[in-house]
Amino acid sequence: MTASNLDRAWDLHPQVSVRPEPFGALLYHFGTRKLTFLKDRTLLAVVQALAAAPTARAACSAAGVDDEDLPRYGQALAALTRSSMVVERNRTP
């Protein structure tokens, strides 16, 4: 996810279910039938914070991600967008 994408609003796809696990979480997309493993509890916190955060950067901050680690979490979020687990939130005029 590029820096400009981190400044956009994102959310879980409506057809994605999250099941927290000791290692992180399982994400299941009912539309595509894809299963994704999150092997990082901080990434789970970021994903869970997306709905309430105005931007992905704010969700990362809320989950305790510091600026040094932001590129790594941006890449993880980019992978989740490519697999349709995370989608850009619709903007209202």
PDB file of N, CA and C in Angstrom:
ATOM      1  N   MET A   1       0.863  -1.163   0.000  1.00  0.00           N
ATOM      2  CA  MET A   1       0.000   0.000   0.000  1.00  0.00           C
ATOM      3  C   MET A   1       0.909   1.225   0.000  1.00  0.00           C
ATOM      4  N   THR A   2       0.670   2.125  -0.899  1.00  0.00           N
ATOM      5  CA  THR A   2       1.509   3.315  -0.976  1.00  0.00           C
ATOM      6  C   THR A   2       1.154   4.292   0.138  1.00  0.00           C
ATOM      7  N   ALA A   3       2.006   5.262   0.317  1.00  0.00           N
ATOM      8  CA  ALA A   3       1.760   6.260   1.361  1.00  0.00           C
ATOM      9  C   ALA A   3       0.434   6.965   1.136  1.00  0.00           C
ATOM     10  N   SER A   4       0.097   7.262  -0.115  1.00  0.00           N
ATOM     11  CA  SER A   4      -1.180   7.938  -0.376  1.00  0.00           C
ATOM     12  C   SER A   4      -2.359   7.030  -0.050  1.00  0.00           C
ATOM     13  N   ASN A   5      -2.203   5.715  -0.278  1.00  0.00           N
ATOM     14  CA  ASN A   5      -3.277   4.788   0.071  1.00  0.00           C
ATOM     15  C   ASN A   5      -3.447   4.668   1.582  1.00  0.00           C
ATOM     16  N   LEU A   6      -2.371   4.846   2.324  1.00  0.00           N
ATOM     17  CA  LEU A   6      -2.479   4.827   3.782  1.00  0.00           C
ATOM     18  C   LEU A   6      -3.322   5.991   4.285  1.00  0.00           C
ATOM     19  N   ASP A   7      -3.446   7.022   3.472  1.00  0.00           N
ATOM     20  CA  ASP A   7      -4.227   8.188   3.860  1.00  0.00           C
ATOM     21  C   ASP A   7      -5.664   8.121   3.360  1.00  0.00           C
ATOM     22  N   ARG A   8      -6.087   6.954   2.927  1.00  0.00           N
ATOM     23  CA  ARG A   8      -7.476   6.722   2.516  1.00  0.00           C
ATOM     24  C   ARG A   8      -8.173   5.859   3.562  1.00  0.00           C
ATOM     25  N   ALA A   9      -9.501   5.852   3.486  1.00  0.00           N
ATOM     26  CA  ALA A   9     -10.312   5.052   4.416  1.00  0.00           C
ATOM     27  C   ALA A   9     -10.515   3.650   3.839  1.00  0.00           C
ATOM     28  N   TRP A  10     -10.241   2.634   4.647  1.00  0.00           N
ATOM     29  CA  TRP A  10     -10.361   1.235   4.242  1.00  0.00           C
ATOM     30  C   TRP A  10     -11.207   0.489   5.264  1.00  0.00           C
ATOM     31  N   ASP A  11     -11.707  -0.660   4.850  1.00  0.00           N
ATOM     32  CA  ASP A  11     -12.504  -1.495   5.753  1.00  0.00           C
ATOM     33  C   ASP A  11     -12.424  -2.935   5.275  1.00  0.00           C
ATOM     34  N   LEU A  12     -12.810  -3.849   6.129  1.00  0.00           N
ATOM     35  CA  LEU A  12     -12.943  -5.240   5.703  1.00  0.00           C
ATOM     36  C   LEU A  12     -14.049  -5.330   4.664  1.00  0.00           C
ATOM     37  N   HIS A  13     -13.874  -6.217   3.709  1.00  0.00           N
ATOM     38  CA  HIS A  13     -14.942  -6.487   2.744  1.00  0.00           C
ATOM     39  C   HIS A  13     -16.136  -6.989   3.548  1.00  0.00           C
ATOM     40  N   PRO A  14     -17.354  -6.606   3.173  1.00  0.00           N
ATOM     41  CA  PRO A  14     -18.535  -7.044   3.943  1.00  0.00           C
ATOM     42  C   PRO A  14     -18.715  -8.559   4.018  1.00  0.00           C
ATOM     43  N   GLN A  15     -18.096  -9.302   3.096  1.00  0.00           N
ATOM     44  CA  GLN A  15     -18.240 -10.755   3.108  1.00  0.00           C
ATOM     45  C   GLN A  15     -17.073 -11.450   3.805  1.00  0.00           C
ATOM     46  N   VAL A  16     -16.272 -10.681   4.555  1.00  0.00           N
ATOM     47  CA  VAL A  16     -15.125 -11.256   5.253  1.00  0.00           C
ATOM     48  C   VAL A  16     -15.447 -11.421   6.733  1.00  0.00           C
ATOM     49  N   SER A  17     -15.133 -12.595   7.228  1.00  0.00           N
ATOM     50  CA  SER A  17     -15.289 -12.905   8.645  1.00  0.00           C
ATOM     51  C   SER A  17     -13.896 -13.023   9.263  1.00  0.00           C
ATOM     52  N   VAL A  18     -13.762 -12.500  10.489  1.00  0.00           N
ATOM     53  CA  VAL A  18     -12.481 -12.538  11.197  1.00  0.00           C
ATOM     54  C   VAL A  18     -12.635 -13.440  12.416  1.00  0.00           C
ATOM     55  N   ARG A  19     -11.736 -14.392  12.536  1.00  0.00           N
ATOM     56  CA  ARG A  19     -11.723 -15.254  13.715  1.00  0.00           C
ATOM     57  C   ARG A  19     -10.367 -15.106  14.397  1.00  0.00           C
ATOM     58  N   PRO A  20     -10.331 -14.377  15.518  1.00  0.00           N
ATOM     59  CA  PRO A  20      -9.065 -14.225  16.250  1.00  0.00           C
ATOM     60  C   PRO A  20      -8.555 -15.578  16.737  1.00  0.00           C
ATOM     61  N   GLU A  21      -7.256 -15.734  16.676  1.00  0.00           N
ATOM     62  CA  GLU A  21      -6.572 -16.943  17.118  1.00  0.00           C
ATOM     63  C   GLU A  21      -5.351 -16.527  17.930  1.00  0.00           C
ATOM     64  N   PRO A  22      -4.775 -17.440  18.725  1.00  0.00           N
ATOM     65  CA  PRO A  22      -3.587 -17.089  19.512  1.00  0.00           C
ATOM     66  C   PRO A  22      -2.425 -16.561  18.665  1.00  0.00           C
ATOM     67  N   PHE A  23      -2.309 -17.022  17.422  1.00  0.00           N
ATOM     68  CA  PHE A  23      -1.207 -16.593  16.552  1.00  0.00           C
ATOM     69  C   PHE A  23      -1.524 -15.305  15.805  1.00  0.00           C
ATOM     70  N   GLY A  24      -2.766 -14.883  15.779  1.00  0.00           N
ATOM     71  CA  GLY A  24      -3.208 -13.711  15.023  1.00  0.00           C
ATOM     72  C   GLY A  24      -4.676 -13.847  14.689  1.00  0.00           C
ATOM     73  N   ALA A  25      -4.979 -14.297  13.457  1.00  0.00           N
ATOM     74  CA  ALA A  25      -6.383 -14.466  13.077  1.00  0.00           C
ATOM     75  C   ALA A  25      -6.504 -15.223  11.768  1.00  0.00           C
ATOM     76  N   LEU A  26      -7.709 -15.716  11.547  1.00  0.00           N
ATOM     77  CA  LEU A  26      -8.100 -16.286  10.261  1.00  0.00           C
ATOM     78  C   LEU A  26      -9.114 -15.332   9.647  1.00  0.00           C
ATOM     79  N   LEU A  27      -8.920 -15.002   8.383  1.00  0.00           N
ATOM     80  CA  LEU A  27      -9.877 -14.200   7.638  1.00  0.00           C
ATOM     81  C   LEU A  27     -10.462 -15.098   6.561  1.00  0.00           C
ATOM     82  N   TYR A  28     -11.781 -15.156   6.485  1.00  0.00           N
ATOM     83  CA  TYR A  28     -12.435 -15.976   5.467  1.00  0.00           C
ATOM     84  C   TYR A  28     -13.355 -15.089   4.655  1.00  0.00           C
ATOM     85  N   HIS A  29     -13.184 -15.136   3.332  1.00  0.00           N
ATOM     86  CA  HIS A  29     -14.022 -14.372   2.416  1.00  0.00           C
ATOM     87  C   HIS A  29     -15.086 -15.314   1.866  1.00  0.00           C
ATOM     88  N   PHE A  30     -16.338 -15.073   2.224  1.00  0.00           N
ATOM     89  CA  PHE A  30     -17.419 -15.959   1.801  1.00  0.00           C
ATOM     90  C   PHE A  30     -17.698 -15.870   0.305  1.00  0.00           C
ATOM     91  N   GLY A  31     -17.354 -14.742  -0.322  1.00  0.00           N
ATOM     92  CA  GLY A  31     -17.576 -14.598  -1.757  1.00  0.00           C
ATOM     93  C   GLY A  31     -16.553 -15.334  -2.595  1.00  0.00           C
ATOM     94  N   THR A  32     -15.298 -15.226  -2.227  1.00  0.00           N
ATOM     95  CA  THR A  32     -14.233 -15.853  -3.012  1.00  0.00           C
ATOM     96  C   THR A  32     -13.788 -17.188  -2.437  1.00  0.00           C
ATOM     97  N   ARG A  33     -14.220 -17.483  -1.228  1.00  0.00           N
ATOM     98  CA  ARG A  33     -13.846 -18.693  -0.493  1.00  0.00           C
ATOM     99  C   ARG A  33     -12.362 -18.736  -0.144  1.00  0.00           C
ATOM    100  N   LYS A  34     -11.736 -17.567  -0.104  1.00  0.00           N
ATOM    101  CA  LYS A  34     -10.317 -17.502   0.263  1.00  0.00           C
ATOM    102  C   LYS A  34     -10.174 -17.453   1.777  1.00  0.00           C
ATOM    103  N   LEU A  35      -9.152 -18.122   2.247  1.00  0.00           N
ATOM    104  CA  LEU A  35      -8.800 -18.120   3.660  1.00  0.00           C
ATOM    105  C   LEU A  35      -7.418 -17.484   3.784  1.00  0.00           C
ATOM    106  N   THR A  36      -7.305 -16.506   4.660  1.00  0.00           N
ATOM    107  CA  THR A  36      -6.039 -15.820   4.875  1.00  0.00           C
ATOM    108  C   THR A  36      -5.670 -15.898   6.341  1.00  0.00           C
ATOM    109  N   PHE A  37      -4.410 -16.176   6.602  1.00  0.00           N
ATOM    110  CA  PHE A  37      -3.899 -16.231   7.962  1.00  0.00           C
ATOM    111  C   PHE A  37      -3.177 -14.926   8.270  1.00  0.00           C
ATOM    112  N   LEU A  38      -3.548 -14.302   9.362  1.00  0.00           N
ATOM    113  CA  LEU A  38      -2.790 -13.159   9.868  1.00  0.00           C
ATOM    114  C   LEU A  38      -1.915 -13.702  10.986  1.00  0.00           C
ATOM    115  N   LYS A  39      -0.611 -13.666  10.799  1.00  0.00           N
ATOM    116  CA  LYS A  39       0.312 -14.249  11.775  1.00  0.00           C
ATOM    117  C   LYS A  39       0.911 -13.184  12.678  1.00  0.00           C
ATOM    118  N   ASP A  40       0.188 -12.111  12.864  1.00  0.00           N
ATOM    119  CA  ASP A  40       0.680 -10.974  13.628  1.00  0.00           C
ATOM    120  C   ASP A  40      -0.512 -10.344  14.352  1.00  0.00           C
ATOM    121  N   ARG A  41      -0.471 -10.344  15.671  1.00  0.00           N
ATOM    122  CA  ARG A  41      -1.594  -9.802  16.442  1.00  0.00           C
ATOM    123  C   ARG A  41      -1.724  -8.291  16.247  1.00  0.00           C
ATOM    124  N   THR A  42      -0.626  -7.610  15.971  1.00  0.00           N
ATOM    125  CA  THR A  42      -0.715  -6.174  15.711  1.00  0.00           C
ATOM    126  C   THR A  42      -1.442  -5.933  14.393  1.00  0.00           C
ATOM    127  N   LEU A  43      -1.178  -6.753  13.381  1.00  0.00           N
ATOM    128  CA  LEU A  43      -1.898  -6.617  12.113  1.00  0.00           C
ATOM    129  C   LEU A  43      -3.384  -6.868  12.330  1.00  0.00           C
ATOM    130  N   LEU A  44      -3.724  -7.811  13.170  1.00  0.00           N
ATOM    131  CA  LEU A  44      -5.127  -8.036  13.509  1.00  0.00           C
ATOM    132  C   LEU A  44      -5.719  -6.776  14.127  1.00  0.00           C
ATOM    133  N   ALA A  45      -4.991  -6.140  15.037  1.00  0.00           N
ATOM    134  CA  ALA A  45      -5.473  -4.903  15.656  1.00  0.00           C
ATOM    135  C   ALA A  45      -5.662  -3.805  14.610  1.00  0.00           C
ATOM    136  N   VAL A  46      -4.757  -3.733  13.637  1.00  0.00           N
ATOM    137  CA  VAL A  46      -4.901  -2.748  12.549  1.00  0.00           C
ATOM    138  C   VAL A  46      -6.173  -3.036  11.757  1.00  0.00           C
ATOM    139  N   VAL A  47      -6.363  -4.285  11.369  1.00  0.00           N
ATOM    140  CA  VAL A  47      -7.546  -4.664  10.586  1.00  0.00           C
ATOM    141  C   VAL A  47      -8.825  -4.361  11.363  1.00  0.00           C
ATOM    142  N   GLN A  48      -8.816  -4.647  12.651  1.00  0.00           N
ATOM    143  CA  GLN A  48      -9.995  -4.381  13.469  1.00  0.00           C
ATOM    144  C   GLN A  48     -10.238  -2.887  13.647  1.00  0.00           C
ATOM    145  N   ALA A  49      -9.192  -2.074  13.577  1.00  0.00           N
ATOM    146  CA  ALA A  49      -9.325  -0.624  13.758  1.00  0.00           C
ATOM    147  C   ALA A  49      -9.746   0.087  12.482  1.00  0.00           C
ATOM    148  N   LEU A  50      -9.678  -0.575  11.332  1.00  0.00           N
ATOM    149  CA  LEU A  50      -9.988   0.091  10.066  1.00  0.00           C
ATOM    150  C   LEU A  50     -11.381   0.709  10.037  1.00  0.00           C
ATOM    151  N   ALA A  51     -12.374   0.012  10.534  1.00  0.00           N
ATOM    152  CA  ALA A  51     -13.758   0.487  10.444  1.00  0.00           C
ATOM    153  C   ALA A  51     -13.976   1.818  11.166  1.00  0.00           C
ATOM    154  N   ALA A  52     -13.283   2.008  12.281  1.00  0.00           N
ATOM    155  CA  ALA A  52     -13.481   3.225  13.072  1.00  0.00           C
ATOM    156  C   ALA A  52     -12.501   4.334  12.721  1.00  0.00           C
ATOM    157  N   ALA A  53     -11.465   4.000  11.965  1.00  0.00           N
ATOM    158  CA  ALA A  53     -10.412   4.977  11.674  1.00  0.00           C
ATOM    159  C   ALA A  53     -10.709   5.731  10.379  1.00  0.00           C
ATOM    160  N   PRO A  54     -10.347   7.008  10.331  1.00  0.00           N
ATOM    161  CA  PRO A  54     -10.566   7.773   9.101  1.00  0.00           C
ATOM    162  C   PRO A  54      -9.621   7.387   7.968  1.00  0.00           C
ATOM    163  N   THR A  55      -8.478   6.792   8.321  1.00  0.00           N
ATOM    164  CA  THR A  55      -7.495   6.359   7.320  1.00  0.00           C
ATOM    165  C   THR A  55      -6.807   5.090   7.810  1.00  0.00           C
ATOM    166  N   ALA A  56      -6.137   4.410   6.885  1.00  0.00           N
ATOM    167  CA  ALA A  56      -5.351   3.235   7.268  1.00  0.00           C
ATOM    168  C   ALA A  56      -4.201   3.652   8.177  1.00  0.00           C
ATOM    169  N   ARG A  57      -3.627   4.816   7.915  1.00  0.00           N
ATOM    170  CA  ARG A  57      -2.547   5.322   8.767  1.00  0.00           C
ATOM    171  C   ARG A  57      -3.044   5.506  10.205  1.00  0.00           C
ATOM    172  N   ALA A  58      -4.247   6.027  10.364  1.00  0.00           N
ATOM    173  CA  ALA A  58      -4.824   6.218  11.696  1.00  0.00           C
ATOM    174  C   ALA A  58      -5.103   4.880  12.368  1.00  0.00           C
ATOM    175  N   ALA A  59      -5.531   3.889  11.586  1.00  0.00           N
ATOM    176  CA  ALA A  59      -5.765   2.552  12.140  1.00  0.00           C
ATOM    177  C   ALA A  59      -4.452   1.952  12.626  1.00  0.00           C
ATOM    178  N   CYS A  60      -3.389   2.158  11.868  1.00  0.00           N
ATOM    179  CA  CYS A  60      -2.071   1.665  12.278  1.00  0.00           C
ATOM    180  C   CYS A  60      -1.638   2.349  13.572  1.00  0.00           C
ATOM    181  N   SER A  61      -1.820   3.642  13.636  1.00  0.00           N
ATOM    182  CA  SER A  61      -1.451   4.392  14.834  1.00  0.00           C
ATOM    183  C   SER A  61      -2.245   3.905  16.043  1.00  0.00           C
ATOM    184  N   ALA A  62      -3.545   3.678  15.851  1.00  0.00           N
ATOM    185  CA  ALA A  62      -4.399   3.203  16.944  1.00  0.00           C
ATOM    186  C   ALA A  62      -3.965   1.825  17.433  1.00  0.00           C
ATOM    187  N   ALA A  63      -3.389   1.026  16.539  1.00  0.00           N
ATOM    188  CA  ALA A  63      -2.936  -0.315  16.898  1.00  0.00           C
ATOM    189  C   ALA A  63      -1.523  -0.312  17.468  1.00  0.00           C
ATOM    190  N   GLY A  64      -0.900   0.870  17.551  1.00  0.00           N
ATOM    191  CA  GLY A  64       0.429   0.969  18.143  1.00  0.00           C
ATOM    192  C   GLY A  64       1.580   0.788  17.169  1.00  0.00           C
ATOM    193  N   VAL A  65       1.309   0.872  15.872  1.00  0.00           N
ATOM    194  CA  VAL A  65       2.367   0.749  14.869  1.00  0.00           C
ATOM    195  C   VAL A  65       3.136   2.070  14.817  1.00  0.00           C
ATOM    196  N   ASP A  66       4.445   1.996  14.992  1.00  0.00           N
ATOM    197  CA  ASP A  66       5.234   3.229  14.925  1.00  0.00           C
ATOM    198  C   ASP A  66       5.642   3.517  13.480  1.00  0.00           C
ATOM    199  N   ASP A  67       6.139   4.726  13.247  1.00  0.00           N
ATOM    200  CA  ASP A  67       6.483   5.162  11.890  1.00  0.00           C
ATOM    201  C   ASP A  67       7.499   4.250  11.220  1.00  0.00           C
ATOM    202  N   GLU A  68       8.413   3.704  11.994  1.00  0.00           N
ATOM    203  CA  GLU A  68       9.443   2.829  11.444  1.00  0.00           C
ATOM    204  C   GLU A  68       8.847   1.542  10.856  1.00  0.00           C
ATOM    205  N   ASP A  69       7.784   1.033  11.476  1.00  0.00           N
ATOM    206  CA  ASP A  69       7.152  -0.209  11.023  1.00  0.00           C
ATOM    207  C   ASP A  69       6.006   0.013  10.041  1.00  0.00           C
ATOM    208  N   LEU A  70       5.646   1.267   9.812  1.00  0.00           N
ATOM    209  CA  LEU A  70       4.505   1.572   8.947  1.00  0.00           C
ATOM    210  C   LEU A  70       4.629   0.983   7.539  1.00  0.00           C
ATOM    211  N   PRO A  71       5.793   1.030   6.881  1.00  0.00           N
ATOM    212  CA  PRO A  71       5.880   0.420   5.539  1.00  0.00           C
ATOM    213  C   PRO A  71       5.549  -1.073   5.533  1.00  0.00           C
ATOM    214  N   ARG A  72       5.969  -1.787   6.550  1.00  0.00           N
ATOM    215  CA  ARG A  72       5.690  -3.229   6.632  1.00  0.00           C
ATOM    216  C   ARG A  72       4.186  -3.491   6.759  1.00  0.00           C
ATOM    217  N   TYR A  73       3.519  -2.698   7.588  1.00  0.00           N
ATOM    218  CA  TYR A  73       2.079  -2.885   7.744  1.00  0.00           C
ATOM    219  C   TYR A  73       1.320  -2.385   6.513  1.00  0.00           C
ATOM    220  N   GLY A  74       1.866  -1.370   5.843  1.00  0.00           N
ATOM    221  CA  GLY A  74       1.287  -0.929   4.580  1.00  0.00           C
ATOM    222  C   GLY A  74       1.344  -2.030   3.535  1.00  0.00           C
ATOM    223  N   GLN A  75       2.461  -2.757   3.488  1.00  0.00           N
ATOM    224  CA  GLN A  75       2.594  -3.879   2.557  1.00  0.00           C
ATOM    225  C   GLN A  75       1.614  -4.996   2.892  1.00  0.00           C
ATOM    226  N   ALA A  76       1.438  -5.253   4.169  1.00  0.00           N
ATOM    227  CA  ALA A  76       0.485  -6.296   4.583  1.00  0.00           C
ATOM    228  C   ALA A  76      -0.941  -5.899   4.200  1.00  0.00           C
ATOM    229  N   LEU A  77      -1.286  -4.639   4.404  1.00  0.00           N
ATOM    230  CA  LEU A  77      -2.620  -4.173   4.012  1.00  0.00           C
ATOM    231  C   LEU A  77      -2.790  -4.223   2.492  1.00  0.00           C
ATOM    232  N   ALA A  78      -1.721  -3.926   1.756  1.00  0.00           N
ATOM    233  CA  ALA A  78      -1.787  -4.010   0.291  1.00  0.00           C
ATOM    234  C   ALA A  78      -2.081  -5.442  -0.141  1.00  0.00           C
ATOM    235  N   ALA A  79      -1.449  -6.410   0.504  1.00  0.00           N
ATOM    236  CA  ALA A  79      -1.709  -7.818   0.179  1.00  0.00           C
ATOM    237  C   ALA A  79      -3.162  -8.172   0.483  1.00  0.00           C
ATOM    238  N   LEU A  80      -3.692  -7.631   1.561  1.00  0.00           N
ATOM    239  CA  LEU A  80      -5.096  -7.894   1.904  1.00  0.00           C
ATOM    240  C   LEU A  80      -6.045  -7.238   0.903  1.00  0.00           C
ATOM    241  N   THR A  81      -5.655  -6.101   0.333  1.00  0.00           N
ATOM    242  CA  THR A  81      -6.509  -5.475  -0.688  1.00  0.00           C
ATOM    243  C   THR A  81      -6.455  -6.279  -1.990  1.00  0.00           C
ATOM    244  N   ARG A  82      -5.279  -6.787  -2.341  1.00  0.00           N
ATOM    245  CA  ARG A  82      -5.168  -7.596  -3.564  1.00  0.00           C
ATOM    246  C   ARG A  82      -6.008  -8.868  -3.485  1.00  0.00           C
ATOM    247  N   SER A  83      -6.188  -9.389  -2.280  1.00  0.00           N
ATOM    248  CA  SER A  83      -7.000 -10.603  -2.115  1.00  0.00           C
ATOM    249  C   SER A  83      -8.462 -10.270  -1.794  1.00  0.00           C
ATOM    250  N   SER A  84      -8.820  -8.999  -1.881  1.00  0.00           N
ATOM    251  CA  SER A  84     -10.196  -8.512  -1.652  1.00  0.00           C
ATOM    252  C   SER A  84     -10.680  -8.700  -0.216  1.00  0.00           C
ATOM    253  N   MET A  85      -9.758  -8.891   0.716  1.00  0.00           N
ATOM    254  CA  MET A  85     -10.152  -8.971   2.119  1.00  0.00           C
ATOM    255  C   MET A  85     -10.445  -7.573   2.670  1.00  0.00           C
ATOM    256  N   VAL A  86      -9.690  -6.597   2.196  1.00  0.00           N
ATOM    257  CA  VAL A  86      -9.850  -5.203   2.594  1.00  0.00           C
ATOM    258  C   VAL A  86     -10.195  -4.402   1.358  1.00  0.00           C
ATOM    259  N   VAL A  87     -11.168  -3.504   1.493  1.00  0.00           N
ATOM    260  CA  VAL A  87     -11.608  -2.679   0.365  1.00  0.00           C
ATOM    261  C   VAL A  87     -11.639  -1.218   0.800  1.00  0.00           C
ATOM    262  N   GLU A  88     -11.490  -0.341  -0.189  1.00  0.00           N
ATOM    263  CA  GLU A  88     -11.576   1.081   0.128  1.00  0.00           C
ATOM    264  C   GLU A  88     -13.004   1.410   0.525  1.00  0.00           C
ATOM    265  N   ARG A  89     -13.124   2.189   1.594  1.00  0.00           N
ATOM    266  CA  ARG A  89     -14.439   2.592   2.088  1.00  0.00           C
ATOM    267  C   ARG A  89     -15.044   3.596   1.121  1.00  0.00           C
ATOM    268  N   ASN A  90     -16.321   3.426   0.827  1.00  0.00           N
ATOM    269  CA  ASN A  90     -17.018   4.361  -0.057  1.00  0.00           C
ATOM    270  C   ASN A  90     -17.038   5.735   0.565  1.00  0.00           C
ATOM    271  N   ARG A  91     -16.781   6.691  -0.268  1.00  0.00           N
ATOM    272  CA  ARG A  91     -16.820   8.081   0.193  1.00  0.00           C
ATOM    273  C   ARG A  91     -18.223   8.628  -0.029  1.00  0.00           C
ATOM    274  N   THR A  92     -18.675   9.423   0.902  1.00  0.00           N
ATOM    275  CA  THR A  92     -19.978  10.073   0.751  1.00  0.00           C
ATOM    276  C   THR A  92     -19.722  11.523   0.355  1.00  0.00           C
ATOM    277  N   PRO A  93     -20.523  12.052  -0.574  1.00  0.00           N
ATOM    278  CA  PRO A  93     -20.297  13.429  -1.032  1.00  0.00           C
ATOM    279  C   PRO A  93     -20.571  14.455   0.031  1.00  0.00           C
TER     280      PRO A  93
END
